[in-house]
Amino acid sequence: MNLIDSKNPNFQIKMTCFKGNYVALQTLKYGDSTSKWKITARQFNLFNQVILYINKRSPLVKPTYNNKLDDYNQLVFDQRLLFYAYKIDKKKNTITVYEDFPERRAITTEFTGKISQW
């Protein structure tokens, strides 16, 4: 799945999950600089909520100055549990992910393939 923030199209998250093994690449581009982080976790679904148990956060590309993505990952570095509500529209092949932290937002994207809800 590829999530692009409509408010900030320079921020995107590419993620995959197979049998509960979750991997995400978070990228923020600003000017000539880029920040990129890799997050690995175990994923569980409960009703319409994704629960992530974070195993590791690691910077892949570290920029020369501070930015929102680095601040966010350093702020939540020791947090292991994250909760995200989501809604799937199977007719349109879209998913909307709702986030409260570090800011309130909803990101909607198209998806291909199958999303299991086990």
Protein backbone atom coordinates (compact mmCIF):
# COMPACT_ATOMS: atom_id res chain seq x y z
CA MET A 1 0.00 0.00 0.00
CA ASN A 2 1.21 3.50 -0.77
CA LEU A 3 -0.18 6.32 1.38
CA ILE A 4 0.38 9.91 0.27
CA ASP A 5 -0.73 12.74 2.54
CA SER A 6 -3.00 15.06 0.54
CA LYS A 7 -2.01 18.02 2.75
CA ASN A 8 1.68 17.31 2.22
CA PRO A 9 2.32 15.26 -0.94
CA ASN A 10 6.05 15.22 -0.12
CA PHE A 11 5.26 12.78 2.71
CA GLN A 12 4.50 9.18 1.80
CA ILE A 13 4.39 5.78 3.44
CA LYS A 14 4.90 2.56 1.52
CA MET A 15 3.92 -0.47 3.52
CA THR A 16 3.32 -4.17 3.23
CA CYS A 17 2.09 -6.82 5.59
CA PHE A 18 2.33 -10.58 5.12
CA LYS A 19 1.01 -12.93 7.80
CA GLY A 20 1.24 -10.19 10.40
CA ASN A 21 4.80 -9.07 9.54
CA TYR A 22 4.55 -5.36 8.79
CA VAL A 23 7.22 -3.26 7.07
CA ALA A 24 6.85 0.43 6.28
CA LEU A 25 9.08 2.98 4.58
CA GLN A 26 8.30 6.57 5.57
CA THR A 27 9.71 9.25 3.27
CA LEU A 28 9.62 13.03 3.58
CA LYS A 29 11.14 15.16 0.84
CA TYR A 30 11.73 18.84 1.41
CA GLY A 31 13.82 20.93 -0.92
CA ASP A 32 16.93 19.00 -1.89
CA SER A 33 16.87 16.93 1.30
CA THR A 34 15.14 13.64 2.08
CA SER A 35 14.41 11.81 5.31
CA LYS A 36 13.58 8.10 5.18
CA TRP A 37 12.78 5.65 8.00
CA LYS A 38 12.09 1.91 8.04
CA ILE A 39 9.65 0.54 10.59
CA THR A 40 9.15 -3.18 11.25
CA ALA A 41 6.29 -4.46 13.38
CA ARG A 42 3.75 -7.18 14.05
CA GLN A 43 0.29 -6.18 12.88
CA PHE A 44 -3.04 -7.23 14.35
CA ASN A 45 -6.52 -6.16 13.28
CA LEU A 46 -9.37 -5.82 15.75
CA PHE A 47 -12.66 -4.78 14.15
CA ASN A 48 -11.70 -1.66 12.14
CA GLN A 49 -8.53 -0.90 14.02
CA VAL A 50 -4.94 -1.77 13.15
CA ILE A 51 -2.70 -2.47 16.12
CA LEU A 52 1.04 -2.36 15.47
CA TYR A 53 3.62 -3.74 17.88
CA ILE A 54 6.80 -1.98 16.73
CA ASN A 55 9.95 -4.11 16.65
CA LYS A 56 12.37 -1.57 15.21
CA ARG A 57 12.60 1.97 13.83
CA SER A 58 15.70 2.83 11.89
CA PRO A 59 16.69 5.87 9.82
CA LEU A 60 17.71 4.91 6.28
CA VAL A 61 18.48 8.41 5.02
CA LYS A 62 19.32 11.02 7.61
CA PRO A 63 19.03 14.66 6.47
CA THR A 64 21.38 17.41 7.47
CA TYR A 65 18.74 19.31 9.44
CA ASN A 66 15.67 18.56 11.55
CA ASN A 67 12.26 17.89 10.03
CA LYS A 68 8.81 16.61 11.06
CA LEU A 69 9.48 12.98 10.16
CA ASP A 70 12.68 12.75 12.20
CA ASP A 71 11.05 14.62 15.10
CA TYR A 72 8.07 12.23 15.04
CA ASN A 73 10.16 9.04 14.93
CA GLN A 74 12.50 10.25 17.65
CA LEU A 75 9.55 11.33 19.80
CA VAL A 76 7.84 7.92 19.58
CA PHE A 77 11.06 5.87 19.36
CA ASP A 78 10.36 3.99 22.60
CA GLN A 79 6.64 3.54 21.97
CA ARG A 80 5.88 -0.01 20.93
CA LEU A 81 2.10 0.05 20.42
CA LEU A 82 0.34 2.16 17.80
CA PHE A 83 -3.38 2.15 17.01
CA TYR A 84 -4.96 3.32 13.74
CA ALA A 85 -8.61 3.22 12.79
CA TYR A 86 -9.39 2.50 9.15
CA LYS A 87 -12.29 2.12 6.75
CA ILE A 88 -12.27 0.10 3.52
CA ASP A 89 -14.44 0.83 0.49
CA LYS A 90 -14.21 -2.40 -1.53
CA LYS A 91 -16.26 -1.00 -4.43
CA LYS A 92 -13.73 1.81 -5.00
CA ASN A 93 -10.70 -0.18 -3.79
CA THR A 94 -9.84 2.58 -1.34
CA ILE A 95 -8.77 2.60 2.28
CA THR A 96 -8.88 5.55 4.67
CA VAL A 97 -6.53 5.56 7.66
CA TYR A 98 -7.31 7.84 10.60
CA GLU A 99 -4.53 9.21 12.77
CA ASP A 100 -4.64 11.25 15.99
CA PHE A 101 -0.93 11.58 16.74
CA PRO A 102 1.20 13.57 16.06
CA GLU A 103 -1.62 15.41 14.28
CA ARG A 104 -5.23 14.65 13.42
CA ARG A 105 -5.65 13.60 9.81
CA ALA A 106 -7.27 11.09 7.50
CA ILE A 107 -5.37 9.71 4.52
CA THR A 108 -7.26 7.96 1.71
CA THR A 109 -5.54 5.88 -0.95
CA GLU A 110 -6.30 3.22 -3.52
CA PHE A 111 -4.99 -0.29 -3.01
CA THR A 112 -4.41 -3.33 -5.14
CA GLY A 113 -4.39 -6.88 -3.95
CA LYS A 114 -6.13 -8.29 -0.92
CA ILE A 115 -6.44 -6.76 2.51
CA SER A 116 -7.04 -9.45 5.08
CA GLN A 117 -8.79 -8.52 8.27
CA TRP A 118 -7.78 -11.36 10.55
